[in-house]
Amino acid sequence: MPTFEYESKKIQVDEEGYLKNFDDWDETVACALAEREGVGKECPFNKEQIEILKFIREY
């Protein structure tokens, strides 16, 4: 199973790069996945965008 490290946190993903364990998601993981996909350097999300992501995850 592929893993990558971001800010000393190991993140497990499947072969297509999707998060393997849904419960591993947090703001750090969101930033890591976005950066890995080329969305931006460091965390490309502002506070409002993180709140939207949290809402979508709960929905």
PDB file of N, CA and C in Angstrom:
ATOM      1  N   MET A   1       0.849  -1.174   0.000  1.00  0.00           N
ATOM      2  CA  MET A   1       0.000   0.000   0.000  1.00  0.00           C
ATOM      3  C   MET A   1       0.897   1.241   0.000  1.00  0.00           C
ATOM      4  N   PRO A   2       0.705   2.156  -0.952  1.00  0.00           N
ATOM      5  CA  PRO A   2       1.535   3.353  -1.011  1.00  0.00           C
ATOM      6  C   PRO A   2       1.296   4.280   0.183  1.00  0.00           C
ATOM      7  N   THR A   3       2.354   4.898   0.634  1.00  0.00           N
ATOM      8  CA  THR A   3       2.254   5.915   1.672  1.00  0.00           C
ATOM      9  C   THR A   3       3.158   7.076   1.278  1.00  0.00           C
ATOM     10  N   PHE A   4       2.851   8.243   1.813  1.00  0.00           N
ATOM     11  CA  PHE A   4       3.754   9.373   1.672  1.00  0.00           C
ATOM     12  C   PHE A   4       3.752  10.143   2.976  1.00  0.00           C
ATOM     13  N   GLU A   5       4.778  10.947   3.155  1.00  0.00           N
ATOM     14  CA  GLU A   5       4.940  11.659   4.414  1.00  0.00           C
ATOM     15  C   GLU A   5       4.769  13.154   4.187  1.00  0.00           C
ATOM     16  N   TYR A   6       4.065  13.783   5.099  1.00  0.00           N
ATOM     17  CA  TYR A   6       3.829  15.229   5.039  1.00  0.00           C
ATOM     18  C   TYR A   6       3.871  15.755   6.464  1.00  0.00           C
ATOM     19  N   GLU A   7       4.771  16.694   6.716  1.00  0.00           N
ATOM     20  CA  GLU A   7       4.944  17.259   8.062  1.00  0.00           C
ATOM     21  C   GLU A   7       5.063  16.154   9.104  1.00  0.00           C
ATOM     22  N   SER A   8       5.893  15.189   8.844  1.00  0.00           N
ATOM     23  CA  SER A   8       6.173  14.033   9.712  1.00  0.00           C
ATOM     24  C   SER A   8       4.954  13.147   9.970  1.00  0.00           C
ATOM     25  N   LYS A   9       3.928  13.248   9.150  1.00  0.00           N
ATOM     26  CA  LYS A   9       2.745  12.397   9.264  1.00  0.00           C
ATOM     27  C   LYS A   9       2.718  11.458   8.073  1.00  0.00           C
ATOM     28  N   LYS A  10       2.586  10.148   8.334  1.00  0.00           N
ATOM     29  CA  LYS A  10       2.519   9.172   7.250  1.00  0.00           C
ATOM     30  C   LYS A  10       1.061   9.005   6.827  1.00  0.00           C
ATOM     31  N   ILE A  11       0.836   9.106   5.519  1.00  0.00           N
ATOM     32  CA  ILE A  11      -0.510   9.061   4.963  1.00  0.00           C
ATOM     33  C   ILE A  11      -0.588   7.893   3.999  1.00  0.00           C
ATOM     34  N   GLN A  12      -1.527   6.994   4.252  1.00  0.00           N
ATOM     35  CA  GLN A  12      -1.704   5.826   3.389  1.00  0.00           C
ATOM     36  C   GLN A  12      -2.750   6.135   2.330  1.00  0.00           C
ATOM     37  N   VAL A  13      -2.392   5.828   1.093  1.00  0.00           N
ATOM     38  CA  VAL A  13      -3.299   6.019  -0.035  1.00  0.00           C
ATOM     39  C   VAL A  13      -3.348   4.727  -0.844  1.00  0.00           C
ATOM     40  N   ASP A  14      -4.370   4.606  -1.692  1.00  0.00           N
ATOM     41  CA  ASP A  14      -4.432   3.435  -2.560  1.00  0.00           C
ATOM     42  C   ASP A  14      -3.590   3.691  -3.805  1.00  0.00           C
ATOM     43  N   GLU A  15      -3.651   2.774  -4.753  1.00  0.00           N
ATOM     44  CA  GLU A  15      -2.830   2.869  -5.955  1.00  0.00           C
ATOM     45  C   GLU A  15      -3.156   4.090  -6.801  1.00  0.00           C
ATOM     46  N   GLU A  16      -4.388   4.612  -6.673  1.00  0.00           N
ATOM     47  CA  GLU A  16      -4.793   5.784  -7.445  1.00  0.00           C
ATOM     48  C   GLU A  16      -4.548   7.093  -6.694  1.00  0.00           C
ATOM     49  N   GLY A  17      -4.055   7.007  -5.463  1.00  0.00           N
ATOM     50  CA  GLY A  17      -3.739   8.201  -4.694  1.00  0.00           C
ATOM     51  C   GLY A  17      -4.835   8.668  -3.760  1.00  0.00           C
ATOM     52  N   TYR A  18      -5.922   7.881  -3.665  1.00  0.00           N
ATOM     53  CA  TYR A  18      -7.015   8.244  -2.762  1.00  0.00           C
ATOM     54  C   TYR A  18      -6.689   7.819  -1.340  1.00  0.00           C
ATOM     55  N   LEU A  19      -7.160   8.588  -0.390  1.00  0.00           N
ATOM     56  CA  LEU A  19      -6.948   8.292   1.015  1.00  0.00           C
ATOM     57  C   LEU A  19      -7.503   6.908   1.335  1.00  0.00           C
ATOM     58  N   LYS A  20      -6.689   6.071   1.933  1.00  0.00           N
ATOM     59  CA  LYS A  20      -7.061   4.684   2.202  1.00  0.00           C
ATOM     60  C   LYS A  20      -8.074   4.574   3.351  1.00  0.00           C
ATOM     61  N   ASN A  21      -7.838   5.322   4.411  1.00  0.00           N
ATOM     62  CA  ASN A  21      -8.711   5.254   5.577  1.00  0.00           C
ATOM     63  C   ASN A  21      -9.421   6.596   5.749  1.00  0.00           C
ATOM     64  N   PHE A  22     -10.732   6.598   5.579  1.00  0.00           N
ATOM     65  CA  PHE A  22     -11.549   7.810   5.656  1.00  0.00           C
ATOM     66  C   PHE A  22     -11.316   8.560   6.962  1.00  0.00           C
ATOM     67  N   ASP A  23     -11.124   7.839   8.056  1.00  0.00           N
ATOM     68  CA  ASP A  23     -10.957   8.461   9.372  1.00  0.00           C
ATOM     69  C   ASP A  23      -9.603   9.127   9.564  1.00  0.00           C
ATOM     70  N   ASP A  24      -8.673   8.938   8.650  1.00  0.00           N
ATOM     71  CA  ASP A  24      -7.362   9.584   8.742  1.00  0.00           C
ATOM     72  C   ASP A  24      -7.405  11.046   8.299  1.00  0.00           C
ATOM     73  N   TRP A  25      -8.515  11.459   7.695  1.00  0.00           N
ATOM     74  CA  TRP A  25      -8.602  12.804   7.142  1.00  0.00           C
ATOM     75  C   TRP A  25      -8.583  13.848   8.251  1.00  0.00           C
ATOM     76  N   ASP A  26      -7.793  14.877   8.054  1.00  0.00           N
ATOM     77  CA  ASP A  26      -7.825  16.087   8.861  1.00  0.00           C
ATOM     78  C   ASP A  26      -7.290  17.215   7.987  1.00  0.00           C
ATOM     79  N   GLU A  27      -7.160  18.404   8.544  1.00  0.00           N
ATOM     80  CA  GLU A  27      -6.716  19.541   7.742  1.00  0.00           C
ATOM     81  C   GLU A  27      -5.322  19.323   7.156  1.00  0.00           C
ATOM     82  N   THR A  28      -4.450  18.694   7.915  1.00  0.00           N
ATOM     83  CA  THR A  28      -3.098  18.427   7.433  1.00  0.00           C
ATOM     84  C   THR A  28      -3.125  17.485   6.237  1.00  0.00           C
ATOM     85  N   VAL A  29      -3.948  16.450   6.330  1.00  0.00           N
ATOM     86  CA  VAL A  29      -4.064  15.488   5.233  1.00  0.00           C
ATOM     87  C   VAL A  29      -4.667  16.171   4.001  1.00  0.00           C
ATOM     88  N   ALA A  30      -5.663  17.023   4.201  1.00  0.00           N
ATOM     89  CA  ALA A  30      -6.265  17.753   3.077  1.00  0.00           C
ATOM     90  C   ALA A  30      -5.201  18.589   2.363  1.00  0.00           C
ATOM     91  N   CYS A  31      -4.372  19.264   3.134  1.00  0.00           N
ATOM     92  CA  CYS A  31      -3.306  20.076   2.547  1.00  0.00           C
ATOM     93  C   CYS A  31      -2.291  19.208   1.813  1.00  0.00           C
ATOM     94  N   ALA A  32      -1.947  18.081   2.412  1.00  0.00           N
ATOM     95  CA  ALA A  32      -0.976  17.170   1.793  1.00  0.00           C
ATOM     96  C   ALA A  32      -1.490  16.635   0.467  1.00  0.00           C
ATOM     97  N   LEU A  33      -2.742  16.202   0.449  1.00  0.00           N
ATOM     98  CA  LEU A  33      -3.316  15.660  -0.788  1.00  0.00           C
ATOM     99  C   LEU A  33      -3.422  16.740  -1.856  1.00  0.00           C
ATOM    100  N   ALA A  34      -3.801  17.950  -1.469  1.00  0.00           N
ATOM    101  CA  ALA A  34      -3.904  19.047  -2.432  1.00  0.00           C
ATOM    102  C   ALA A  34      -2.535  19.383  -3.010  1.00  0.00           C
ATOM    103  N   GLU A  35      -1.549  19.462  -2.147  1.00  0.00           N
ATOM    104  CA  GLU A  35      -0.192  19.762  -2.616  1.00  0.00           C
ATOM    105  C   GLU A  35       0.311  18.663  -3.543  1.00  0.00           C
ATOM    106  N   ARG A  36       0.022  17.430  -3.182  1.00  0.00           N
ATOM    107  CA  ARG A  36       0.453  16.293  -4.002  1.00  0.00           C
ATOM    108  C   ARG A  36      -0.192  16.322  -5.389  1.00  0.00           C
ATOM    109  N   GLU A  37      -1.422  16.822  -5.464  1.00  0.00           N
ATOM    110  CA  GLU A  37      -2.126  16.916  -6.741  1.00  0.00           C
ATOM    111  C   GLU A  37      -1.777  18.182  -7.518  1.00  0.00           C
ATOM    112  N   GLY A  38      -0.887  19.003  -6.953  1.00  0.00           N
ATOM    113  CA  GLY A  38      -0.438  20.194  -7.663  1.00  0.00           C
ATOM    114  C   GLY A  38      -1.328  21.410  -7.493  1.00  0.00           C
ATOM    115  N   VAL A  39      -2.177  21.407  -6.465  1.00  0.00           N
ATOM    116  CA  VAL A  39      -3.071  22.545  -6.244  1.00  0.00           C
ATOM    117  C   VAL A  39      -2.285  23.769  -5.767  1.00  0.00           C
ATOM    118  N   GLY A  40      -1.230  23.562  -5.024  1.00  0.00           N
ATOM    119  CA  GLY A  40      -0.421  24.686  -4.570  1.00  0.00           C
ATOM    120  C   GLY A  40       0.666  24.221  -3.623  1.00  0.00           C
ATOM    121  N   LYS A  41       1.557  25.116  -3.320  1.00  0.00           N
ATOM    122  CA  LYS A  41       2.608  24.821  -2.354  1.00  0.00           C
ATOM    123  C   LYS A  41       2.066  25.089  -0.958  1.00  0.00           C
ATOM    124  N   GLU A  42       2.591  24.356  -0.003  1.00  0.00           N
ATOM    125  CA  GLU A  42       2.116  24.415   1.375  1.00  0.00           C
ATOM    126  C   GLU A  42       0.607  24.172   1.369  1.00  0.00           C
ATOM    127  N   CYS A  43      -0.111  24.727   2.307  1.00  0.00           N
ATOM    128  CA  CYS A  43      -1.553  24.472   2.322  1.00  0.00           C
ATOM    129  C   CYS A  43      -2.264  25.517   1.471  1.00  0.00           C
ATOM    130  N   PRO A  44      -2.919  25.075   0.392  1.00  0.00           N
ATOM    131  CA  PRO A  44      -3.567  26.030  -0.504  1.00  0.00           C
ATOM    132  C   PRO A  44      -4.951  26.491  -0.023  1.00  0.00           C
ATOM    133  N   PHE A  45      -5.404  25.982   1.128  1.00  0.00           N
ATOM    134  CA  PHE A  45      -6.755  26.285   1.601  1.00  0.00           C
ATOM    135  C   PHE A  45      -6.748  27.366   2.672  1.00  0.00           C
ATOM    136  N   ASN A  46      -7.732  28.252   2.603  1.00  0.00           N
ATOM    137  CA  ASN A  46      -7.903  29.218   3.677  1.00  0.00           C
ATOM    138  C   ASN A  46      -8.929  28.657   4.669  1.00  0.00           C
ATOM    139  N   LYS A  47      -9.196  29.395   5.722  1.00  0.00           N
ATOM    140  CA  LYS A  47     -10.080  28.922   6.790  1.00  0.00           C
ATOM    141  C   LYS A  47     -11.482  28.591   6.277  1.00  0.00           C
ATOM    142  N   GLU A  48     -12.028  29.434   5.416  1.00  0.00           N
ATOM    143  CA  GLU A  48     -13.370  29.206   4.881  1.00  0.00           C
ATOM    144  C   GLU A  48     -13.431  27.942   4.023  1.00  0.00           C
ATOM    145  N   GLN A  49     -12.394  27.721   3.228  1.00  0.00           N
ATOM    146  CA  GLN A  49     -12.358  26.533   2.377  1.00  0.00           C
ATOM    147  C   GLN A  49     -12.262  25.259   3.208  1.00  0.00           C
ATOM    148  N   ILE A  50     -11.506  25.292   4.286  1.00  0.00           N
ATOM    149  CA  ILE A  50     -11.424  24.129   5.181  1.00  0.00           C
ATOM    150  C   ILE A  50     -12.795  23.853   5.781  1.00  0.00           C
ATOM    151  N   GLU A  51     -13.524  24.892   6.167  1.00  0.00           N
ATOM    152  CA  GLU A  51     -14.868  24.704   6.728  1.00  0.00           C
ATOM    153  C   GLU A  51     -15.806  24.076   5.693  1.00  0.00           C
ATOM    154  N   ILE A  52     -15.681  24.464   4.435  1.00  0.00           N
ATOM    155  CA  ILE A  52     -16.483  23.860   3.364  1.00  0.00           C
ATOM    156  C   ILE A  52     -16.134  22.381   3.220  1.00  0.00           C
ATOM    157  N   LEU A  53     -14.843  22.066   3.228  1.00  0.00           N
ATOM    158  CA  LEU A  53     -14.435  20.662   3.136  1.00  0.00           C
ATOM    159  C   LEU A  53     -14.993  19.846   4.294  1.00  0.00           C
ATOM    160  N   LYS A  54     -14.948  20.395   5.495  1.00  0.00           N
ATOM    161  CA  LYS A  54     -15.500  19.694   6.662  1.00  0.00           C
ATOM    162  C   LYS A  54     -16.997  19.469   6.509  1.00  0.00           C
ATOM    163  N   PHE A  55     -17.721  20.492   6.014  1.00  0.00           N
ATOM    164  CA  PHE A  55     -19.154  20.353   5.806  1.00  0.00           C
ATOM    165  C   PHE A  55     -19.469  19.255   4.797  1.00  0.00           C
ATOM    166  N   ILE A  56     -18.745  19.248   3.700  1.00  0.00           N
ATOM    167  CA  ILE A  56     -18.969  18.243   2.656  1.00  0.00           C
ATOM    168  C   ILE A  56     -18.699  16.840   3.201  1.00  0.00           C
ATOM    169  N   ARG A  57     -17.666  16.696   4.002  1.00  0.00           N
ATOM    170  CA  ARG A  57     -17.345  15.391   4.578  1.00  0.00           C
ATOM    171  C   ARG A  57     -18.446  14.911   5.511  1.00  0.00           C
ATOM    172  N   GLU A  58     -19.030  15.839   6.276  1.00  0.00           N
ATOM    173  CA  GLU A  58     -20.111  15.455   7.205  1.00  0.00           C
ATOM    174  C   GLU A  58     -21.389  15.118   6.446  1.00  0.00           C
ATOM    175  N   TYR A  59     -21.618  15.772   5.318  1.00  0.00           N
ATOM    176  CA  TYR A  59     -22.824  15.562   4.537  1.00  0.00           C
ATOM    177  C   TYR A  59     -22.799  14.185   3.923  1.00  0.00           C
TER     178      TYR A  59
END
